[in-house]
Amino acid sequence: MGFRLPSRILNAKQTLRLSLQASEAKIQRTFAVYVGETERKRFAVPISYLKHHTFQNLLGQAEEEFGFDHPNGALTIPCREEVFLDLTSNL
């Protein structure tokens, strides 16, 4: 019985490692943005959106309007919430 313990520990370690890798793959890194022309709403946006051309266009609009001085302390995108949701649902 003493020699079975190491193999059980090894299997438990492998199972735990695979479980952790699977859960890490599910976690998406995000950043905060505020969206709206007058009343702004906060959204958590996956970092992967940064590589999409359409999202980069929104960032360009934000740069033109606010530069690097965003009033809410986070990136502010000056478009209607419906437009933002429509655009991000297609990414």
PDB file of N, CA and C in Angstrom:
ATOM      1  N   MET A   1       0.810  -1.191   0.000  1.00  0.00           N
ATOM      2  CA  MET A   1       0.000   0.000   0.000  1.00  0.00           C
ATOM      3  C   MET A   1       0.857   1.260   0.000  1.00  0.00           C
ATOM      4  N   GLY A   2       2.036   1.216   0.619  1.00  0.00           N
ATOM      5  CA  GLY A   2       2.888   2.386   0.687  1.00  0.00           C
ATOM      6  C   GLY A   2       3.332   2.873  -0.679  1.00  0.00           C
ATOM      7  N   PHE A   3       3.473   1.989  -1.637  1.00  0.00           N
ATOM      8  CA  PHE A   3       3.912   2.407  -2.966  1.00  0.00           C
ATOM      9  C   PHE A   3       2.765   2.923  -3.834  1.00  0.00           C
ATOM     10  N   ARG A   4       1.504   2.755  -3.432  1.00  0.00           N
ATOM     11  CA  ARG A   4       0.373   3.286  -4.198  1.00  0.00           C
ATOM     12  C   ARG A   4       0.151   4.773  -3.905  1.00  0.00           C
ATOM     13  N   LEU A   5       0.566   5.226  -2.744  1.00  0.00           N
ATOM     14  CA  LEU A   5       0.344   6.611  -2.347  1.00  0.00           C
ATOM     15  C   LEU A   5       0.991   7.607  -3.312  1.00  0.00           C
ATOM     16  N   PRO A   6       2.229   7.420  -3.701  1.00  0.00           N
ATOM     17  CA  PRO A   6       2.821   8.379  -4.637  1.00  0.00           C
ATOM     18  C   PRO A   6       2.067   8.465  -5.960  1.00  0.00           C
ATOM     19  N   SER A   7       1.585   7.358  -6.484  1.00  0.00           N
ATOM     20  CA  SER A   7       0.862   7.427  -7.755  1.00  0.00           C
ATOM     21  C   SER A   7      -0.468   8.157  -7.585  1.00  0.00           C
ATOM     22  N   ARG A   8      -1.123   7.985  -6.434  1.00  0.00           N
ATOM     23  CA  ARG A   8      -2.369   8.715  -6.183  1.00  0.00           C
ATOM     24  C   ARG A   8      -2.094  10.209  -6.049  1.00  0.00           C
ATOM     25  N   ILE A   9      -1.009  10.547  -5.392  1.00  0.00           N
ATOM     26  CA  ILE A   9      -0.646  11.960  -5.253  1.00  0.00           C
ATOM     27  C   ILE A   9      -0.325  12.546  -6.622  1.00  0.00           C
ATOM     28  N   LEU A  10       0.401  11.796  -7.416  1.00  0.00           N
ATOM     29  CA  LEU A  10       0.736  12.250  -8.763  1.00  0.00           C
ATOM     30  C   LEU A  10      -0.528  12.470  -9.584  1.00  0.00           C
ATOM     31  N   ASN A  11      -1.468  11.537  -9.531  1.00  0.00           N
ATOM     32  CA  ASN A  11      -2.729  11.694 -10.264  1.00  0.00           C
ATOM     33  C   ASN A  11      -3.517  12.897  -9.753  1.00  0.00           C
ATOM     34  N   ALA A  12      -3.523  13.107  -8.451  1.00  0.00           N
ATOM     35  CA  ALA A  12      -4.235  14.246  -7.881  1.00  0.00           C
ATOM     36  C   ALA A  12      -3.591  15.556  -8.338  1.00  0.00           C
ATOM     37  N   LYS A  13      -2.255  15.596  -8.366  1.00  0.00           N
ATOM     38  CA  LYS A  13      -1.558  16.796  -8.837  1.00  0.00           C
ATOM     39  C   LYS A  13      -1.887  17.080 -10.301  1.00  0.00           C
ATOM     40  N   GLN A  14      -1.892  16.032 -11.123  1.00  0.00           N
ATOM     41  CA  GLN A  14      -2.200  16.216 -12.541  1.00  0.00           C
ATOM     42  C   GLN A  14      -3.638  16.688 -12.729  1.00  0.00           C
ATOM     43  N   THR A  15      -4.553  16.120 -11.985  1.00  0.00           N
ATOM     44  CA  THR A  15      -5.949  16.527 -12.067  1.00  0.00           C
ATOM     45  C   THR A  15      -6.113  17.974 -11.647  1.00  0.00           C
ATOM     46  N   LEU A  16      -5.470  18.361 -10.556  1.00  0.00           N
ATOM     47  CA  LEU A  16      -5.539  19.734 -10.074  1.00  0.00           C
ATOM     48  C   LEU A  16      -4.933  20.698 -11.082  1.00  0.00           C
ATOM     49  N   ARG A  17      -3.787  20.344 -11.654  1.00  0.00           N
ATOM     50  CA  ARG A  17      -3.128  21.191 -12.647  1.00  0.00           C
ATOM     51  C   ARG A  17      -4.019  21.387 -13.871  1.00  0.00           C
ATOM     52  N   LEU A  18      -4.626  20.327 -14.371  1.00  0.00           N
ATOM     53  CA  LEU A  18      -5.513  20.431 -15.523  1.00  0.00           C
ATOM     54  C   LEU A  18      -6.746  21.276 -15.202  1.00  0.00           C
ATOM     55  N   SER A  19      -7.254  21.120 -13.997  1.00  0.00           N
ATOM     56  CA  SER A  19      -8.405  21.909 -13.578  1.00  0.00           C
ATOM     57  C   SER A  19      -8.064  23.393 -13.512  1.00  0.00           C
ATOM     58  N   LEU A  20      -6.892  23.730 -12.983  1.00  0.00           N
ATOM     59  CA  LEU A  20      -6.465  25.122 -12.899  1.00  0.00           C
ATOM     60  C   LEU A  20      -6.241  25.719 -14.285  1.00  0.00           C
ATOM     61  N   GLN A  21      -5.652  24.952 -15.184  1.00  0.00           N
ATOM     62  CA  GLN A  21      -5.434  25.442 -16.541  1.00  0.00           C
ATOM     63  C   GLN A  21      -6.758  25.721 -17.238  1.00  0.00           C
ATOM     64  N   ALA A  22      -7.737  24.855 -17.039  1.00  0.00           N
ATOM     65  CA  ALA A  22      -9.045  25.054 -17.659  1.00  0.00           C
ATOM     66  C   ALA A  22      -9.731  26.292 -17.098  1.00  0.00           C
ATOM     67  N   SER A  23      -9.629  26.507 -15.792  1.00  0.00           N
ATOM     68  CA  SER A  23     -10.281  27.679 -15.213  1.00  0.00           C
ATOM     69  C   SER A  23      -9.568  28.964 -15.621  1.00  0.00           C
ATOM     70  N   GLU A  24      -8.252  28.935 -15.773  1.00  0.00           N
ATOM     71  CA  GLU A  24      -7.520  30.119 -16.228  1.00  0.00           C
ATOM     72  C   GLU A  24      -7.886  30.473 -17.659  1.00  0.00           C
ATOM     73  N   ALA A  25      -8.148  29.476 -18.477  1.00  0.00           N
ATOM     74  CA  ALA A  25      -8.525  29.737 -19.865  1.00  0.00           C
ATOM     75  C   ALA A  25      -9.883  30.428 -19.938  1.00  0.00           C
ATOM     76  N   LYS A  26     -10.750  30.189 -18.957  1.00  0.00           N
ATOM     77  CA  LYS A  26     -12.069  30.803 -18.946  1.00  0.00           C
ATOM     78  C   LYS A  26     -12.021  32.257 -18.506  1.00  0.00           C
ATOM     79  N   ILE A  27     -11.014  32.633 -17.740  1.00  0.00           N
ATOM     80  CA  ILE A  27     -10.907  33.998 -17.241  1.00  0.00           C
ATOM     81  C   ILE A  27     -10.408  34.901 -18.353  1.00  0.00           C
ATOM     82  N   GLN A  28     -11.166  35.957 -18.631  1.00  0.00           N
ATOM     83  CA  GLN A  28     -10.734  36.923 -19.627  1.00  0.00           C
ATOM     84  C   GLN A  28     -10.250  38.168 -18.912  1.00  0.00           C
ATOM     85  N   ARG A  29      -9.171  38.688 -19.348  1.00  0.00           N
ATOM     86  CA  ARG A  29      -8.666  39.946 -18.819  1.00  0.00           C
ATOM     87  C   ARG A  29      -9.505  41.069 -19.420  1.00  0.00           C
ATOM     88  N   THR A  30      -9.901  42.023 -18.593  1.00  0.00           N
ATOM     89  CA  THR A  30     -10.752  43.106 -19.057  1.00  0.00           C
ATOM     90  C   THR A  30     -10.212  44.457 -18.605  1.00  0.00           C
ATOM     91  N   PHE A  31     -10.751  45.512 -19.212  1.00  0.00           N
ATOM     92  CA  PHE A  31     -10.469  46.863 -18.774  1.00  0.00           C
ATOM     93  C   PHE A  31     -11.784  47.633 -18.798  1.00  0.00           C
ATOM     94  N   ALA A  32     -11.847  48.704 -18.033  1.00  0.00           N
ATOM     95  CA  ALA A  32     -13.083  49.463 -17.899  1.00  0.00           C
ATOM     96  C   ALA A  32     -13.158  50.572 -18.939  1.00  0.00           C
ATOM     97  N   VAL A  33     -14.356  50.759 -19.472  1.00  0.00           N
ATOM     98  CA  VAL A  33     -14.636  51.899 -20.339  1.00  0.00           C
ATOM     99  C   VAL A  33     -15.976  52.488 -19.923  1.00  0.00           C
ATOM    100  N   TYR A  34     -16.120  53.788 -20.129  1.00  0.00           N
ATOM    101  CA  TYR A  34     -17.401  54.454 -19.951  1.00  0.00           C
ATOM    102  C   TYR A  34     -17.922  54.785 -21.333  1.00  0.00           C
ATOM    103  N   VAL A  35     -19.202  54.507 -21.555  1.00  0.00           N
ATOM    104  CA  VAL A  35     -19.812  54.696 -22.867  1.00  0.00           C
ATOM    105  C   VAL A  35     -21.042  55.577 -22.714  1.00  0.00           C
ATOM    106  N   GLY A  36     -21.168  56.525 -23.618  1.00  0.00           N
ATOM    107  CA  GLY A  36     -22.352  57.379 -23.641  1.00  0.00           C
ATOM    108  C   GLY A  36     -21.988  58.785 -24.041  1.00  0.00           C
ATOM    109  N   GLU A  37     -22.978  59.491 -24.578  1.00  0.00           N
ATOM    110  CA  GLU A  37     -22.726  60.861 -24.997  1.00  0.00           C
ATOM    111  C   GLU A  37     -22.927  61.843 -23.848  1.00  0.00           C
ATOM    112  N   THR A  38     -23.972  61.645 -23.039  1.00  0.00           N
ATOM    113  CA  THR A  38     -24.195  62.531 -21.886  1.00  0.00           C
ATOM    114  C   THR A  38     -24.146  61.724 -20.595  1.00  0.00           C
ATOM    115  N   GLU A  39     -25.046  60.771 -20.448  1.00  0.00           N
ATOM    116  CA  GLU A  39     -25.024  59.890 -19.285  1.00  0.00           C
ATOM    117  C   GLU A  39     -24.175  58.674 -19.640  1.00  0.00           C
ATOM    118  N   ARG A  40     -23.141  58.429 -18.860  1.00  0.00           N
ATOM    119  CA  ARG A  40     -22.188  57.358 -19.204  1.00  0.00           C
ATOM    120  C   ARG A  40     -22.396  56.129 -18.335  1.00  0.00           C
ATOM    121  N   LYS A  41     -22.239  54.977 -18.968  1.00  0.00           N
ATOM    122  CA  LYS A  41     -22.370  53.697 -18.281  1.00  0.00           C
ATOM    123  C   LYS A  41     -21.039  52.958 -18.365  1.00  0.00           C
ATOM    124  N   ARG A  42     -20.668  52.273 -17.298  1.00  0.00           N
ATOM    125  CA  ARG A  42     -19.390  51.562 -17.234  1.00  0.00           C
ATOM    126  C   ARG A  42     -19.549  50.143 -17.766  1.00  0.00           C
ATOM    127  N   PHE A  43     -18.593  49.727 -18.598  1.00  0.00           N
ATOM    128  CA  PHE A  43     -18.552  48.376 -19.150  1.00  0.00           C
ATOM    129  C   PHE A  43     -17.175  47.775 -18.908  1.00  0.00           C
ATOM    130  N   ALA A  44     -17.130  46.458 -18.701  1.00  0.00           N
ATOM    131  CA  ALA A  44     -15.865  45.720 -18.651  1.00  0.00           C
ATOM    132  C   ALA A  44     -15.673  45.087 -20.030  1.00  0.00           C
ATOM    133  N   VAL A  45     -14.594  45.473 -20.685  1.00  0.00           N
ATOM    134  CA  VAL A  45     -14.348  45.055 -22.066  1.00  0.00           C
ATOM    135  C   VAL A  45     -13.145  44.118 -22.102  1.00  0.00           C
ATOM    136  N   PRO A  46     -13.256  42.966 -22.775  1.00  0.00           N
ATOM    137  CA  PRO A  46     -12.103  42.071 -22.891  1.00  0.00           C
ATOM    138  C   PRO A  46     -10.952  42.740 -23.639  1.00  0.00           C
ATOM    139  N   ILE A  47      -9.753  42.504 -23.178  1.00  0.00           N
ATOM    140  CA  ILE A  47      -8.569  43.082 -23.810  1.00  0.00           C
ATOM    141  C   ILE A  47      -8.447  42.635 -25.271  1.00  0.00           C
ATOM    142  N   SER A  48      -8.981  41.487 -25.584  1.00  0.00           N
ATOM    143  CA  SER A  48      -8.895  40.983 -26.963  1.00  0.00           C
ATOM    144  C   SER A  48      -9.577  41.919 -27.957  1.00  0.00           C
ATOM    145  N   TYR A  49     -10.496  42.788 -27.505  1.00  0.00           N
ATOM    146  CA  TYR A  49     -11.162  43.737 -28.402  1.00  0.00           C
ATOM    147  C   TYR A  49     -10.180  44.758 -28.973  1.00  0.00           C
ATOM    148  N   LEU A  50      -9.067  44.972 -28.305  1.00  0.00           N
ATOM    149  CA  LEU A  50      -8.112  45.981 -28.745  1.00  0.00           C
ATOM    150  C   LEU A  50      -7.530  45.692 -30.124  1.00  0.00           C
ATOM    151  N   LYS A  51      -7.533  44.446 -30.539  1.00  0.00           N
ATOM    152  CA  LYS A  51      -6.949  44.101 -31.836  1.00  0.00           C
ATOM    153  C   LYS A  51      -7.938  44.261 -33.003  1.00  0.00           C
ATOM    154  N   HIS A  52      -9.210  44.514 -32.711  1.00  0.00           N
ATOM    155  CA  HIS A  52     -10.216  44.649 -33.760  1.00  0.00           C
ATOM    156  C   HIS A  52     -10.248  46.072 -34.312  1.00  0.00           C
ATOM    157  N   HIS A  53     -10.293  46.159 -35.631  1.00  0.00           N
ATOM    158  CA  HIS A  53     -10.252  47.445 -36.325  1.00  0.00           C
ATOM    159  C   HIS A  53     -11.410  48.358 -35.905  1.00  0.00           C
ATOM    160  N   THR A  54     -12.612  47.803 -35.788  1.00  0.00           N
ATOM    161  CA  THR A  54     -13.764  48.634 -35.439  1.00  0.00           C
ATOM    162  C   THR A  54     -13.643  49.205 -34.031  1.00  0.00           C
ATOM    163  N   PHE A  55     -13.109  48.427 -33.102  1.00  0.00           N
ATOM    164  CA  PHE A  55     -12.918  48.937 -31.745  1.00  0.00           C
ATOM    165  C   PHE A  55     -11.804  49.985 -31.736  1.00  0.00           C
ATOM    166  N   GLN A  56     -10.804  49.794 -32.559  1.00  0.00           N
ATOM    167  CA  GLN A  56      -9.735  50.794 -32.658  1.00  0.00           C
ATOM    168  C   GLN A  56     -10.270  52.122 -33.187  1.00  0.00           C
ATOM    169  N   ASN A  57     -11.277  52.069 -34.065  1.00  0.00           N
ATOM    170  CA  ASN A  57     -11.915  53.302 -34.531  1.00  0.00           C
ATOM    171  C   ASN A  57     -12.590  54.043 -33.382  1.00  0.00           C
ATOM    172  N   LEU A  58     -13.249  53.301 -32.505  1.00  0.00           N
ATOM    173  CA  LEU A  58     -13.862  53.928 -31.324  1.00  0.00           C
ATOM    174  C   LEU A  58     -12.801  54.575 -30.435  1.00  0.00           C
ATOM    175  N   LEU A  59     -11.678  53.896 -30.283  1.00  0.00           N
ATOM    176  CA  LEU A  59     -10.592  54.464 -29.475  1.00  0.00           C
ATOM    177  C   LEU A  59     -10.058  55.746 -30.112  1.00  0.00           C
ATOM    178  N   GLY A  60     -10.010  55.786 -31.439  1.00  0.00           N
ATOM    179  CA  GLY A  60      -9.586  56.996 -32.131  1.00  0.00           C
ATOM    180  C   GLY A  60     -10.544  58.149 -31.878  1.00  0.00           C
ATOM    181  N   GLN A  61     -11.846  57.862 -31.864  1.00  0.00           N
ATOM    182  CA  GLN A  61     -12.836  58.892 -31.560  1.00  0.00           C
ATOM    183  C   GLN A  61     -12.662  59.400 -30.138  1.00  0.00           C
ATOM    184  N   ALA A  62     -12.399  58.481 -29.217  1.00  0.00           N
ATOM    185  CA  ALA A  62     -12.188  58.876 -27.823  1.00  0.00           C
ATOM    186  C   ALA A  62     -10.952  59.761 -27.699  1.00  0.00           C
ATOM    187  N   GLU A  63      -9.907  59.441 -28.447  1.00  0.00           N
ATOM    188  CA  GLU A  63      -8.685  60.244 -28.405  1.00  0.00           C
ATOM    189  C   GLU A  63      -8.940  61.644 -28.962  1.00  0.00           C
ATOM    190  N   GLU A  64      -9.704  61.733 -30.052  1.00  0.00           N
ATOM    191  CA  GLU A  64     -10.006  63.038 -30.642  1.00  0.00           C
ATOM    192  C   GLU A  64     -10.800  63.919 -29.682  1.00  0.00           C
ATOM    193  N   GLU A  65     -11.759  63.310 -28.980  1.00  0.00           N
ATOM    194  CA  GLU A  65     -12.626  64.110 -28.107  1.00  0.00           C
ATOM    195  C   GLU A  65     -11.991  64.433 -26.757  1.00  0.00           C
ATOM    196  N   PHE A  66     -11.316  63.452 -26.156  1.00  0.00           N
ATOM    197  CA  PHE A  66     -10.818  63.628 -24.793  1.00  0.00           C
ATOM    198  C   PHE A  66      -9.302  63.682 -24.686  1.00  0.00           C
ATOM    199  N   GLY A  67      -8.589  63.275 -25.720  1.00  0.00           N
ATOM    200  CA  GLY A  67      -7.140  63.173 -25.596  1.00  0.00           C
ATOM    201  C   GLY A  67      -6.815  62.101 -24.559  1.00  0.00           C
ATOM    202  N   PHE A  68      -5.948  62.449 -23.634  1.00  0.00           N
ATOM    203  CA  PHE A  68      -5.611  61.491 -22.576  1.00  0.00           C
ATOM    204  C   PHE A  68      -6.184  61.927 -21.237  1.00  0.00           C
ATOM    205  N   ASP A  69      -7.069  62.913 -21.241  1.00  0.00           N
ATOM    206  CA  ASP A  69      -7.685  63.417 -20.022  1.00  0.00           C
ATOM    207  C   ASP A  69      -9.141  62.969 -19.991  1.00  0.00           C
ATOM    208  N   HIS A  70      -9.402  61.811 -19.419  1.00  0.00           N
ATOM    209  CA  HIS A  70     -10.754  61.264 -19.363  1.00  0.00           C
ATOM    210  C   HIS A  70     -11.408  61.661 -18.044  1.00  0.00           C
ATOM    211  N   PRO A  71     -12.591  62.271 -18.108  1.00  0.00           N
ATOM    212  CA  PRO A  71     -13.217  62.822 -16.916  1.00  0.00           C
ATOM    213  C   PRO A  71     -13.578  61.800 -15.833  1.00  0.00           C
ATOM    214  N   ASN A  72     -13.849  60.565 -16.196  1.00  0.00           N
ATOM    215  CA  ASN A  72     -14.246  59.559 -15.210  1.00  0.00           C
ATOM    216  C   ASN A  72     -13.066  58.773 -14.648  1.00  0.00           C
ATOM    217  N   GLY A  73     -11.875  59.043 -15.124  1.00  0.00           N
ATOM    218  CA  GLY A  73     -10.708  58.313 -14.647  1.00  0.00           C
ATOM    219  C   GLY A  73     -10.432  57.043 -15.428  1.00  0.00           C
ATOM    220  N   ALA A  74     -11.364  56.652 -16.276  1.00  0.00           N
ATOM    221  CA  ALA A  74     -11.175  55.482 -17.141  1.00  0.00           C
ATOM    222  C   ALA A  74     -11.467  55.931 -18.567  1.00  0.00           C
ATOM    223  N   LEU A  75     -11.143  55.110 -19.500  1.00  0.00           N
ATOM    224  CA  LEU A  75     -11.366  55.417 -20.908  1.00  0.00           C
ATOM    225  C   LEU A  75     -12.842  55.707 -21.151  1.00  0.00           C
ATOM    226  N   THR A  76     -13.129  56.831 -21.801  1.00  0.00           N
ATOM    227  CA  THR A  76     -14.501  57.221 -22.118  1.00  0.00           C
ATOM    228  C   THR A  76     -14.684  57.193 -23.627  1.00  0.00           C
ATOM    229  N   ILE A  77     -15.693  56.460 -24.084  1.00  0.00           N
ATOM    230  CA  ILE A  77     -15.966  56.343 -25.514  1.00  0.00           C
ATOM    231  C   ILE A  77     -17.235  57.140 -25.811  1.00  0.00           C
ATOM    232  N   PRO A  78     -17.107  58.178 -26.646  1.00  0.00           N
ATOM    233  CA  PRO A  78     -18.234  59.079 -26.893  1.00  0.00           C
ATOM    234  C   PRO A  78     -19.182  58.587 -27.986  1.00  0.00           C
ATOM    235  N   CYS A  79     -19.956  57.560 -27.675  1.00  0.00           N
ATOM    236  CA  CYS A  79     -20.970  57.102 -28.621  1.00  0.00           C
ATOM    237  C   CYS A  79     -22.170  56.617 -27.820  1.00  0.00           C
ATOM    238  N   ARG A  80     -23.283  56.441 -28.513  1.00  0.00           N
ATOM    239  CA  ARG A  80     -24.478  55.952 -27.823  1.00  0.00           C
ATOM    240  C   ARG A  80     -24.257  54.520 -27.348  1.00  0.00           C
ATOM    241  N   GLU A  81     -24.862  54.196 -26.227  1.00  0.00           N
ATOM    242  CA  GLU A  81     -24.719  52.861 -25.640  1.00  0.00           C
ATOM    243  C   GLU A  81     -25.185  51.780 -26.608  1.00  0.00           C
ATOM    244  N   GLU A  82     -26.274  52.028 -27.332  1.00  0.00           N
ATOM    245  CA  GLU A  82     -26.803  51.039 -28.284  1.00  0.00           C
ATOM    246  C   GLU A  82     -25.796  50.741 -29.388  1.00  0.00           C
ATOM    247  N   VAL A  83     -25.120  51.792 -29.867  1.00  0.00           N
ATOM    248  CA  VAL A  83     -24.111  51.620 -30.914  1.00  0.00           C
ATOM    249  C   VAL A  83     -22.956  50.781 -30.393  1.00  0.00           C
ATOM    250  N   PHE A  84     -22.513  51.084 -29.176  1.00  0.00           N
ATOM    251  CA  PHE A  84     -21.412  50.338 -28.566  1.00  0.00           C
ATOM    252  C   PHE A  84     -21.775  48.875 -28.391  1.00  0.00           C
ATOM    253  N   LEU A  85     -22.968  48.601 -27.876  1.00  0.00           N
ATOM    254  CA  LEU A  85     -23.399  47.219 -27.661  1.00  0.00           C
ATOM    255  C   LEU A  85     -23.526  46.470 -28.980  1.00  0.00           C
ATOM    256  N   ASP A  86     -24.029  47.142 -30.001  1.00  0.00           N
ATOM    257  CA  ASP A  86     -24.151  46.514 -31.312  1.00  0.00           C
ATOM    258  C   ASP A  86     -22.778  46.172 -31.879  1.00  0.00           C
ATOM    259  N   LEU A  87     -21.858  47.127 -31.753  1.00  0.00           N
ATOM    260  CA  LEU A  87     -20.504  46.921 -32.273  1.00  0.00           C
ATOM    261  C   LEU A  87     -19.801  45.780 -31.529  1.00  0.00           C
ATOM    262  N   THR A  88     -19.856  45.791 -30.209  1.00  0.00           N
ATOM    263  CA  THR A  88     -19.132  44.766 -29.437  1.00  0.00           C
ATOM    264  C   THR A  88     -19.777  43.391 -29.543  1.00  0.00           C
ATOM    265  N   SER A  89     -21.070  43.343 -29.825  1.00  0.00           N
ATOM    266  CA  SER A  89     -21.708  42.021 -29.979  1.00  0.00           C
ATOM    267  C   SER A  89     -21.241  41.331 -31.256  1.00  0.00           C
ATOM    268  N   ASN A  90     -20.687  42.111 -32.186  1.00  0.00           N
ATOM    269  CA  ASN A  90     -20.187  41.537 -33.446  1.00  0.00           C
ATOM    270  C   ASN A  90     -18.712  41.170 -33.381  1.00  0.00           C
ATOM    271  N   LEU A  91     -18.028  41.496 -32.296  1.00  0.00           N
ATOM    272  CA  LEU A  91     -16.585  41.196 -32.196  1.00  0.00           C
ATOM    273  C   LEU A  91     -16.368  39.776 -31.720  1.00  0.00           C
TER     274      LEU A  91
END
